[in-house]
């Protein structure tokens, strides 16, 4: 769970820097992709736990 929070914070920071600094739009894109990948990872992990309990 700590890794999830660290990656979310990193994605948010990259997004803020990408928006604030002119010419670093790619950091915003990287932050968004990183956030989506992290949410998918947590979703897959949660669905595996639910499947194992049944």
Protein backbone atom coordinates (compact mmCIF):
# COMPACT_ATOMS: atom_id res chain seq x y z
CA UNK A 1 0.00 0.00 0.00
CA UNK A 2 2.90 2.34 0.67
CA UNK A 3 4.17 1.79 -2.87
CA UNK A 4 0.73 2.70 -4.24
CA UNK A 5 0.68 5.96 -2.31
CA UNK A 6 4.23 6.80 -3.34
CA UNK A 7 3.43 6.30 -7.02
CA UNK A 8 0.24 8.36 -6.74
CA UNK A 9 2.15 11.23 -5.09
CA UNK A 10 4.84 11.00 -7.78
CA UNK A 11 2.21 11.10 -10.54
CA UNK A 12 0.58 14.17 -9.00
CA UNK A 13 3.91 15.96 -8.63
CA UNK A 14 4.87 15.20 -12.24
CA UNK A 15 1.49 16.51 -13.36
CA UNK A 16 1.86 19.74 -11.40
CA UNK A 17 5.37 20.33 -12.71
CA UNK A 18 4.23 19.53 -16.23
CA UNK A 19 1.47 22.13 -16.04
CA UNK A 20 3.46 24.80 -14.22
CA UNK A 21 6.64 24.76 -16.31
CA UNK A 22 6.18 25.81 -19.91
CA UNK A 23 7.45 23.22 -22.36
CA UNK A 24 7.28 20.26 -19.98
CA UNK A 25 3.86 19.01 -21.05
CA UNK A 26 5.32 15.52 -21.43
CA UNK A 27 5.69 15.34 -17.63
CA UNK A 28 1.94 15.83 -17.31
CA UNK A 29 1.36 13.00 -19.78
CA UNK A 30 3.81 10.74 -17.92
CA UNK A 31 2.08 11.57 -14.62
CA UNK A 32 -1.34 10.70 -16.03
CA UNK A 33 -0.09 7.42 -17.54
CA UNK A 34 1.63 6.53 -14.27
CA UNK A 35 -1.54 7.23 -12.28
CA UNK A 36 -3.69 5.13 -14.61
CA UNK A 37 -1.19 2.25 -14.55
CA UNK A 38 -1.10 2.36 -10.75
CA UNK A 39 -4.89 2.32 -10.46
CA UNK A 40 -5.10 -0.64 -12.87
CA UNK A 41 -2.46 -2.49 -10.84
CA UNK A 42 -4.36 -1.97 -7.60
CA UNK A 43 -7.63 -2.99 -9.27
CA UNK A 44 -6.14 -6.23 -10.58
CA UNK A 45 -4.60 -6.96 -7.21
CA UNK A 46 -7.90 -6.34 -5.40
CA UNK A 47 -9.84 -8.54 -7.82
CA UNK A 48 -7.37 -11.40 -7.29
CA UNK A 49 -7.91 -11.18 -3.53
CA UNK A 50 -11.68 -11.31 -3.90
CA UNK A 51 -11.44 -14.29 -6.26
CA UNK A 52 -9.23 -16.24 -3.87
CA UNK A 53 -11.65 -15.85 -0.97
CA UNK A 54 -14.61 -17.42 -2.79
